[in-house]
Protein backbone atom coordinates (compact mmCIF):
# COMPACT_ATOMS: atom_id res chain seq x y z
CA MET A 1 113.00 21.70 49.18
CA THR A 2 110.27 20.84 51.70
CA ARG A 3 108.76 23.72 53.65
CA VAL A 4 107.77 22.72 57.19
CA ILE A 5 106.15 25.08 59.69
CA ALA A 6 105.75 24.22 63.36
CA VAL A 7 103.34 26.30 65.42
CA GLY A 8 104.40 26.40 69.06
CA GLY A 9 107.81 26.79 70.63
CA SER A 10 107.52 24.27 73.44
CA ASP A 11 108.27 20.54 73.52
CA ALA A 12 106.22 19.31 70.55
CA GLY A 13 106.89 22.14 68.11
CA ILE A 14 110.62 22.30 68.70
CA SER A 15 110.97 18.50 68.64
CA ALA A 16 109.20 18.41 65.28
CA ALA A 17 111.40 21.14 63.88
CA LEU A 18 114.60 19.53 65.15
CA ARG A 19 113.66 16.16 63.66
CA ALA A 20 112.86 17.69 60.28
CA ARG A 21 116.18 19.52 60.15
CA GLU A 22 118.02 16.42 61.35
CA LEU A 23 116.56 14.24 58.60
CA ASP A 24 116.75 16.81 55.82
CA PRO A 25 119.22 19.67 56.36
CA GLY A 26 117.95 21.13 53.10
CA SER A 27 114.41 21.53 54.37
CA GLU A 28 113.07 24.98 55.16
CA VAL A 29 111.83 24.80 58.74
CA THR A 30 110.06 27.69 60.46
CA VAL A 31 108.86 27.73 64.07
CA VAL A 32 106.16 30.22 65.01
CA VAL A 33 106.31 31.10 68.72
CA ALA A 34 103.65 33.26 70.38
CA ASP A 35 106.03 34.53 73.07
CA ALA A 36 109.76 35.17 73.31
CA TYR A 37 110.70 31.91 75.03
CA PRO A 38 111.13 28.99 72.63
CA ASN A 39 112.16 25.61 74.03
CA PHE A 40 111.84 26.55 77.70
CA SER A 41 111.20 23.92 80.36
CA ILE A 42 107.77 24.61 81.82
CA CYS A 43 108.40 21.67 84.18
CA GLY A 44 111.32 23.58 85.68
CA ILE A 45 109.31 26.67 86.68
CA PRO A 46 108.81 25.66 90.35
CA TYR A 47 112.57 25.31 90.78
CA TYR A 48 113.15 28.81 89.44
CA ILE A 49 110.52 30.20 91.78
CA SER A 50 112.12 28.35 94.71
CA GLY A 51 115.52 29.83 93.85
CA GLU A 52 117.11 26.44 93.16
CA VAL A 53 117.49 27.45 89.50
CA ALA A 54 119.39 30.70 89.76
CA HIS A 55 118.28 32.44 86.56
CA TRP A 56 115.22 32.00 84.35
CA SER A 57 117.37 31.66 81.23
CA ASN A 58 118.73 28.40 82.64
CA LEU A 59 115.29 26.86 82.00
CA ALA A 60 115.96 26.90 78.25
CA HIS A 61 116.54 23.41 76.86
CA ARG A 62 118.44 25.17 74.07
CA THR A 63 119.49 28.78 73.65
CA ALA A 64 118.34 30.91 70.74
CA ALA A 65 121.82 30.46 69.29
CA ASP A 66 121.52 26.67 69.59
CA LEU A 67 118.24 26.71 67.68
CA ALA A 68 119.59 29.07 65.03
CA ALA A 69 122.60 26.79 64.56
CA THR A 70 120.28 24.00 63.40
CA GLY A 71 119.20 26.15 60.47
CA MET A 72 115.59 26.59 61.56
CA ASP A 73 113.93 30.01 61.46
CA VAL A 74 112.41 30.77 64.87
CA ARG A 75 109.89 33.63 64.77
CA ILE A 76 109.29 34.80 68.32
CA ASN A 77 106.43 37.04 69.46
CA THR A 78 104.49 35.86 66.44
CA ARG A 79 101.02 34.39 66.68
CA ALA A 80 99.49 31.99 64.17
CA THR A 81 95.96 33.21 63.46
CA ARG A 82 94.61 31.10 60.60
CA ILE A 83 95.28 27.86 58.74
CA ASP A 84 94.14 27.61 55.13
CA PRO A 85 94.59 23.87 54.48
CA ALA A 86 93.35 24.07 50.88
CA ALA A 87 95.91 26.71 49.88
CA LYS A 88 98.50 25.44 52.41
CA LEU A 89 98.94 28.87 53.91
CA LEU A 90 99.44 29.87 57.55
CA THR A 91 98.55 33.43 58.51
CA VAL A 92 100.67 34.91 61.29
CA ARG A 93 100.69 38.24 63.11
CA ASP A 94 103.85 39.72 64.60
CA ALA A 95 104.27 41.88 67.71
CA ASP A 96 103.64 45.06 65.68
CA GLY A 97 100.33 43.74 64.39
CA ARG A 98 101.54 43.02 60.86
CA SER A 99 100.02 39.97 59.21
CA GLU A 100 101.76 37.67 56.76
CA GLN A 101 100.86 34.47 54.96
CA LEU A 102 103.46 31.71 55.09
CA PRO A 103 103.27 28.87 52.54
CA TYR A 104 103.98 25.34 53.73
CA ASP A 105 104.21 21.81 52.43
CA ALA A 106 103.57 20.38 55.90
CA LEU A 107 102.33 22.06 59.05
CA VAL A 108 102.76 20.82 62.63
CA VAL A 109 100.39 22.27 65.23
CA GLY A 110 101.89 22.23 68.72
CA THR A 111 99.78 24.85 70.49
CA GLY A 112 99.87 23.01 73.80
CA ALA A 113 97.45 23.63 76.63
CA VAL A 114 96.13 26.56 78.64
CA SER A 115 95.39 26.82 82.34
CA VAL A 116 91.92 25.94 83.56
CA VAL A 117 90.27 28.82 85.42
CA PRO A 118 87.79 27.34 87.90
CA LEU A 119 84.35 28.86 88.48
CA ILE A 120 85.11 30.70 91.71
CA ASP A 121 83.28 33.90 92.58
CA GLY A 122 85.48 36.95 92.10
CA LEU A 123 88.35 35.10 90.45
CA ALA A 124 87.75 36.52 86.98
CA GLU A 125 88.11 40.09 88.31
CA LEU A 126 91.47 39.45 89.95
CA GLY A 127 94.89 39.00 88.39
CA PRO A 128 98.62 39.27 89.02
CA GLU A 129 98.43 42.95 90.02
CA GLN A 130 96.12 41.93 92.85
CA GLY A 131 98.23 38.90 93.78
CA VAL A 132 96.21 36.18 92.02
CA HIS A 133 98.22 34.02 89.62
CA LEU A 134 97.86 31.18 87.16
CA LEU A 135 101.02 29.29 86.27
CA HIS A 136 101.69 27.65 82.95
CA GLY A 137 104.11 29.61 80.77
CA MET A 138 107.11 31.87 81.16
CA GLY A 139 104.91 34.98 81.14
CA ASP A 140 103.02 33.63 84.17
CA THR A 141 106.35 32.84 85.79
CA PHE A 142 107.68 36.37 85.45
CA GLU A 143 104.43 37.83 86.80
CA LEU A 144 104.58 35.51 89.82
CA GLN A 145 108.24 36.29 90.47
CA ARG A 146 107.57 40.01 90.17
CA GLY A 147 104.56 39.70 92.48
CA ILE A 148 106.61 37.92 95.13
CA ASP A 149 109.41 40.49 94.90
CA GLU A 150 107.06 43.47 95.07
CA ARG A 151 104.43 42.24 97.51
CA GLN A 152 106.76 40.26 99.78
CA PRO A 153 103.84 37.99 100.71
CA ALA A 154 103.59 36.89 104.31
CA ASN A 155 101.55 33.86 103.28
CA ALA A 156 99.85 32.22 100.30
CA VAL A 157 97.02 29.93 99.26
CA ILE A 158 97.52 27.35 96.52
CA ILE A 159 94.29 26.11 94.97
CA GLY A 160 94.98 22.61 93.65
CA ALA A 161 97.20 19.78 94.86
CA GLY A 162 98.22 18.05 91.67
CA TYR A 163 101.80 17.86 90.42
CA ILE A 164 102.37 21.59 89.89
CA GLY A 165 100.46 22.57 93.00
CA LEU A 166 102.59 20.28 95.15
CA GLU A 167 105.84 21.45 93.55
CA MET A 168 104.79 25.06 94.10
CA ALA A 169 103.94 24.37 97.74
CA GLU A 170 107.52 23.23 98.16
CA ALA A 171 108.86 26.18 96.15
CA LEU A 172 107.05 28.85 98.16
CA THR A 173 107.87 27.12 101.46
CA THR A 174 111.53 27.02 100.43
CA ARG A 175 111.31 30.79 99.96
CA GLY A 176 109.95 31.20 103.46
CA ILE A 177 106.33 31.84 102.47
CA PRO A 178 103.84 29.85 104.58
CA VAL A 179 101.36 27.98 102.35
CA THR A 180 97.81 26.74 102.74
CA GLN A 181 97.09 24.12 100.08
CA ILE A 182 93.42 23.58 99.21
CA GLU A 183 92.26 20.53 97.27
CA ALA A 184 88.62 19.77 96.44
CA LEU A 185 89.20 16.03 96.17
CA PRO A 186 89.57 13.80 99.24
CA GLU A 187 93.36 13.55 99.01
CA VAL A 188 96.34 15.37 97.51
CA LEU A 189 97.96 14.01 94.36
CA PRO A 190 94.78 12.34 93.09
CA THR A 191 96.66 10.59 90.29
CA VAL A 192 97.76 7.96 92.83
CA ASP A 193 95.64 5.91 95.21
CA GLY A 194 94.47 7.66 98.35
CA GLU A 195 96.70 5.56 100.62
CA LEU A 196 99.73 6.90 98.78
CA GLY A 197 98.38 10.43 98.53
CA ALA A 198 98.11 10.38 102.32
CA LEU A 199 101.87 9.82 102.52
CA VAL A 200 102.41 12.89 100.35
CA ARG A 201 100.05 14.90 102.57
CA ALA A 202 102.04 13.81 105.62
CA GLU A 203 105.21 15.07 103.95
CA LEU A 204 103.57 18.44 103.31
CA LEU A 205 102.42 18.67 106.92
CA ALA A 206 105.91 17.76 108.12
CA HIS A 207 107.16 20.85 106.28
CA ASP A 208 104.48 23.09 107.79
CA VAL A 209 102.19 23.27 104.76
CA ASP A 210 98.59 23.69 105.92
CA VAL A 211 96.72 21.08 103.85
CA LEU A 212 92.94 21.23 103.41
CA THR A 213 91.51 18.33 101.42
CA GLY A 214 87.88 17.78 100.50
CA THR A 215 87.63 21.57 100.54
CA THR A 216 86.05 23.62 97.74
CA VAL A 217 86.98 27.27 97.22
CA LYS A 218 83.84 29.32 96.70
CA ALA A 219 85.12 32.89 96.43
CA VAL A 220 88.24 35.03 96.29
CA SER A 221 87.96 38.74 97.04
CA ARG A 222 90.21 41.70 97.70
CA GLU A 223 90.13 43.35 101.11
CA ALA A 224 90.49 47.09 101.78
CA ASP A 225 94.05 46.51 102.99
CA ASP A 226 94.93 44.81 99.64
CA ARG A 227 94.96 41.32 101.16
CA LEU A 228 93.02 38.48 99.59
CA ARG A 229 90.15 36.69 101.27
CA VAL A 230 89.75 33.05 100.22
CA GLU A 231 86.45 31.51 101.24
CA ALA A 232 85.85 27.78 101.02
CA THR A 233 83.63 24.97 102.27
CA GLY A 234 85.42 22.21 104.14
CA ALA A 235 84.89 18.47 104.03
CA ASP A 236 82.59 18.71 107.04
CA GLY A 237 80.50 21.46 105.43
CA GLU A 238 81.94 24.17 107.64
CA SER A 239 83.13 27.50 106.26
CA VAL A 240 86.88 27.98 105.84
CA THR A 241 88.45 31.42 105.41
CA ARG A 242 92.06 32.40 104.79
CA LEU A 243 93.43 35.97 104.53
CA VAL A 244 96.59 35.90 102.42
CA ASP A 245 98.83 38.05 100.24
CA LEU A 246 99.10 35.66 97.30
CA VAL A 247 96.81 33.13 95.62
CA LEU A 248 98.07 30.60 93.10
CA VAL A 249 95.50 28.73 91.01
CA VAL A 250 96.79 25.44 89.56
CA VAL A 251 93.83 23.14 88.99
CA GLY A 252 94.87 21.71 85.63
CA VAL A 253 94.99 22.53 81.94
CA ARG A 254 92.87 22.03 78.83
CA PRO A 255 94.02 21.55 75.23
CA ASP A 256 94.50 24.75 73.22
CA THR A 257 92.77 23.83 69.97
CA THR A 258 91.46 27.19 68.73
CA LEU A 259 93.76 27.45 65.72
CA ALA A 260 93.08 23.92 64.49
CA ALA A 261 89.36 23.99 65.30
CA GLN A 262 88.84 27.18 63.32
CA ALA A 263 90.33 25.37 60.32
CA SER A 264 87.71 22.62 60.87
CA ALA A 265 90.14 20.02 62.20
CA GLU A 266 88.36 17.12 63.84
CA LEU A 267 88.44 17.17 67.63
CA GLY A 268 88.41 14.09 69.83
CA PHE A 269 88.65 13.03 73.47
CA ARG A 270 88.11 15.97 75.84
CA GLY A 271 88.13 18.36 72.91
CA ALA A 272 91.75 17.68 71.98
CA ILE A 273 92.76 17.55 68.31
CA ALA A 274 92.11 14.11 66.86
CA VAL A 275 95.26 12.54 65.40
CA ASP A 276 96.24 9.06 64.28
CA GLU A 277 99.38 7.26 65.43
CA GLN A 278 101.37 9.12 62.76
CA MET A 279 100.18 12.42 64.28
CA ARG A 280 98.11 13.28 61.21
CA THR A 281 95.04 15.45 61.74
CA SER A 282 91.92 15.36 59.58
CA LEU A 283 93.32 18.29 57.57
CA PRO A 284 95.54 17.44 54.56
CA GLY A 285 99.20 18.13 55.21
CA VAL A 286 98.57 19.13 58.83
CA TYR A 287 100.05 17.23 61.77
CA ALA A 288 99.64 17.97 65.46
CA ALA A 289 101.47 16.93 68.62
CA GLY A 290 101.76 17.63 72.32
CA ASP A 291 99.26 18.76 74.92
CA CYS A 292 96.76 19.94 72.29
CA VAL A 293 96.16 16.44 70.84
CA VAL A 294 94.61 13.18 71.97
CA THR A 295 96.96 10.60 73.47
CA HIS A 296 97.27 7.07 72.15
CA HIS A 297 97.63 5.02 75.34
CA ARG A 298 99.04 1.49 75.10
CA LEU A 299 96.48 0.12 77.56
CA LEU A 300 93.52 2.47 77.24
CA GLY A 301 93.45 3.34 73.55
CA THR A 302 92.56 6.97 72.84
CA THR A 303 92.60 9.37 75.80
CA TRP A 304 94.11 12.76 76.65
CA LEU A 305 97.14 12.84 78.92
CA PRO A 306 99.27 16.00 78.69
CA LEU A 307 102.88 15.16 79.57
CA GLY A 308 106.15 16.73 78.46
CA THR A 309 107.74 13.37 77.70
CA THR A 310 104.81 12.47 75.46
CA ALA A 311 104.95 15.83 73.69
CA HIS A 312 108.63 15.35 72.85
CA LYS A 313 107.97 11.92 71.35
CA GLN A 314 104.87 13.00 69.42
CA GLY A 315 106.68 16.04 68.06
CA ARG A 316 109.55 13.90 66.83
CA VAL A 317 107.10 11.60 65.04
CA ALA A 318 105.27 14.55 63.48
CA GLY A 319 108.51 16.15 62.30
CA GLU A 320 109.64 12.95 60.62
CA ASN A 321 106.31 12.34 58.94
CA ALA A 322 106.08 15.95 57.79
CA LEU A 323 108.95 15.02 55.46
CA GLY A 324 107.09 12.00 54.14
CA GLY A 325 108.05 9.47 56.79
CA GLU A 326 105.85 6.68 58.16
CA ARG A 327 106.88 6.70 61.82
CA ARG A 328 104.25 5.91 64.45
CA PHE A 329 103.91 7.14 68.01
CA ALA A 330 104.37 4.00 70.10
CA GLY A 331 101.92 5.17 72.76
CA SER A 332 101.95 6.45 76.31
CA LEU A 333 101.65 4.63 79.63
CA GLY A 334 101.15 7.79 81.67
CA THR A 335 104.46 7.36 83.48
CA GLN A 336 104.87 10.25 85.91
CA VAL A 337 106.99 11.19 88.90
CA VAL A 338 107.01 14.13 91.30
CA LYS A 339 109.27 15.23 94.15
CA VAL A 340 107.59 16.80 97.18
CA PHE A 341 110.24 17.96 99.63
CA ASP A 342 112.10 14.71 100.49
CA LEU A 343 109.45 12.35 99.16
CA VAL A 344 109.01 11.03 95.61
CA ALA A 345 105.77 9.65 94.19
CA ALA A 346 105.48 7.89 90.83
CA ARG A 347 103.05 5.88 88.77
CA THR A 348 102.85 4.10 85.44
CA GLY A 349 100.06 2.26 83.68
CA LEU A 350 96.65 1.90 85.28
CA ARG A 351 95.24 1.89 88.77
CA GLU A 352 92.68 -0.75 89.67
CA HIS A 353 89.60 1.40 89.06
CA GLU A 354 91.05 2.73 85.80
CA ALA A 355 91.72 -0.79 84.53
CA LEU A 356 88.20 -1.85 85.48
CA ALA A 357 86.66 1.17 83.72
CA ALA A 358 88.66 0.39 80.56
CA ASP A 359 86.31 -2.56 79.93
CA ARG A 360 89.05 -4.69 78.35
CA GLY A 361 87.97 -7.95 79.97
CA TRP A 362 90.52 -7.64 82.77
CA THR A 363 89.88 -8.55 86.39
CA PRO A 364 92.25 -6.03 87.98
CA VAL A 365 93.49 -6.55 91.52
CA THR A 366 96.03 -4.58 93.52
CA THR A 367 98.52 -5.63 96.17
CA ALA A 368 100.21 -3.21 98.55
CA SER A 369 103.65 -3.91 100.01
CA ALA A 370 106.54 -2.00 101.55
CA PRO A 371 109.92 -3.43 100.48
CA ASP A 372 113.08 -1.65 101.60
CA ASP A 373 114.95 0.40 99.01
CA HIS A 374 118.21 -1.44 99.83
CA LYS A 375 119.56 -4.09 102.19
CA ALA A 376 118.54 -3.30 105.75
CA TYR A 377 122.01 -4.00 107.15
CA TYR A 378 123.44 -1.08 105.18
CA PRO A 379 122.60 2.16 107.01
CA GLY A 380 119.76 4.34 105.76
CA ALA A 381 117.37 1.75 104.33
CA THR A 382 113.83 3.10 103.95
CA PRO A 383 110.58 1.42 102.88
CA ILE A 384 108.97 2.01 99.50
CA ALA A 385 105.17 2.07 99.58
CA ALA A 386 104.31 0.03 96.49
CA ARG A 387 101.00 -0.82 94.87
CA ILE A 388 101.07 -3.29 91.97
CA THR A 389 97.99 -3.80 89.80
CA GLY A 390 97.61 -6.84 87.57
CA ASP A 391 94.97 -8.91 85.82
CA SER A 392 94.14 -11.88 88.03
CA GLY A 393 93.00 -13.85 85.00
CA SER A 394 96.08 -13.61 82.80
CA GLY A 395 98.68 -12.32 85.26
CA LEU A 396 99.32 -9.33 82.97
CA LEU A 397 100.96 -6.35 84.66
CA LEU A 398 98.60 -3.36 84.43
CA GLY A 399 100.19 -0.68 86.59
CA ALA A 400 102.45 0.31 89.44
CA GLN A 401 102.55 3.09 92.01
CA LEU A 402 105.55 3.83 94.21
CA VAL A 403 106.19 6.35 96.99
CA GLY A 404 109.45 6.62 98.88
CA ARG A 405 112.24 8.86 100.06
CA ARG A 406 114.23 10.87 97.56
CA THR A 407 117.19 8.49 98.04
CA ALA A 408 115.12 5.41 97.14
CA GLU A 409 115.56 5.53 93.33
CA ILE A 410 111.80 5.80 92.82
CA SER A 411 112.08 7.15 89.27
CA LYS A 412 114.43 4.32 88.25
CA ARG A 413 112.10 1.75 89.72
CA VAL A 414 108.93 3.10 88.13
CA ASP A 415 110.82 3.13 84.84
CA THR A 416 111.49 -0.59 85.29
CA CYS A 417 107.73 -1.10 85.60
CA ALA A 418 107.06 1.16 82.61
CA THR A 419 109.46 -0.89 80.50
CA ALA A 420 107.74 -4.10 81.58
CA LEU A 421 104.35 -2.60 80.74
CA PHE A 422 105.56 -1.44 77.34
CA HIS A 423 106.52 -4.99 76.45
CA GLY A 424 103.36 -6.58 77.86
CA MET A 425 105.07 -8.54 80.62
CA SER A 426 103.29 -10.48 83.33
CA VAL A 427 103.58 -9.51 86.96
CA ASP A 428 105.40 -12.75 87.69
CA GLY A 429 107.76 -12.23 84.76
CA ILE A 430 109.32 -9.18 86.40
CA SER A 431 111.14 -11.55 88.77
CA ASP A 432 113.07 -12.84 85.74
CA LEU A 433 114.56 -9.42 84.95
CA ASP A 434 118.32 -9.19 85.51
CA LEU A 435 118.50 -6.02 87.61
CA SER A 436 121.55 -4.50 89.25
CA TYR A 437 122.42 -5.04 92.91
CA THR A 438 124.78 -3.73 95.53
CA PRO A 439 123.79 -3.52 99.23
CA PRO A 440 123.86 0.31 99.50
CA LEU A 441 121.49 0.62 96.54
CA GLY A 442 119.31 -2.47 96.40
CA SER A 443 118.80 -6.13 97.19
CA PRO A 444 119.32 -9.36 95.23
CA TRP A 445 115.59 -9.11 94.57
CA ASP A 446 114.99 -5.46 93.70
CA ALA A 447 112.20 -3.65 95.56
CA VAL A 448 110.08 -3.75 92.39
CA GLN A 449 110.54 -7.50 92.16
CA MET A 450 109.62 -7.95 95.82
CA ALA A 451 106.48 -5.88 95.23
CA THR A 452 105.46 -7.99 92.24
CA GLN A 453 106.24 -11.19 94.15
CA ALA A 454 103.87 -9.99 96.88
CA TRP A 455 101.17 -9.63 94.20
CA ALA A 456 101.89 -13.14 92.86
CA ARG A 457 101.70 -14.66 96.34
CA GLU A 458 98.32 -13.05 96.90
CA HIS A 459 96.78 -13.65 93.48
CA GLY A 460 98.72 -16.55 92.01
CA SER A 461 100.75 -16.80 88.80
CA PRO A 462 98.47 -17.76 85.88
């Protein structure tokens, strides 16, 4: 009987445990979870805060009973404190402070990531009781929900305008809380080109979100009346001040590698745990997966790109290999999508400057176009802002970015591009794909094909 322990109850850890039990129902699989919320959807948190998800328990991918039915042993409120790779022992501490050593044949580390706390004066002294919140796990979610219920904030500042920041701007606005969104970079959603980020900013403004880009928060302090003073420097160098009842800090995450690092596991890109394509760490019998590990990218090589979809896949690979398998993680393309009010923005692969920086011998060029999402004669057609990046030398597709209305099937269309990228297709070759068509939903040439044809007309078809 193989003894497998997974540390971490989110996407990677649970996926590893499920795969091990699926392949070998006789295996002894234990999942060590630091909190009481295994297999919860962190990506769904904004929709609970907005009220669109009625109860927090609905965020569970699987209930505790579902997990128990697989035969795995899920130990909640239990923290892994030490890995002894030589003896193959994991030391854990439960909620009462009792320590125990668990023997394993294979260990999967899925400790995920933790929120980045920016260097802002006064921020370290403030927390949820004062109305200042981070947002990454279920504990953060409950504190934020409790803060909103108790403080009844008249307004809020969100520091950061990445995926979570944008989703939370929508969530708080939906709850009737006016939001000022502050982003240090020149445009919101910096994972897409600025021209597309500007469309997202326009959508925020259309829903009365006060957007300040190129603005750096310098200090957060508590006033005598319990309000919060947010002081920043704007793009023009002028001082910006907001007095609010709630501050949400969502400027990104970093890999949580403490457990593995203390066991002398090798670290890699951006301090994430170094793993090979089979999710093996440098420690014998120890695998790792999810936001705590480096990402094998199909175009870039080794990078770090924390995504839930990637964590699920990596965890599944780790769980299979923990039982002696030889499965490999096929690699990420960084495919992402976000809904901001009635707009959807998505990307896959590389942007032009990213492809150039990769130093792979490419000559990346990008073409912008705006094909309609379906035939114009059918009511409701809307343009999709598309940016296709390819190598002008070989014609290889390198990346795609799409922004359009929620009805425009943006996620389906970026997935078409992701599939083409996965299989190393040329930009011109996308026109050969046999895609579905009916006038209310598309055109004989799909919007993606029209966007790639615009690239081919501009740059040729090598």
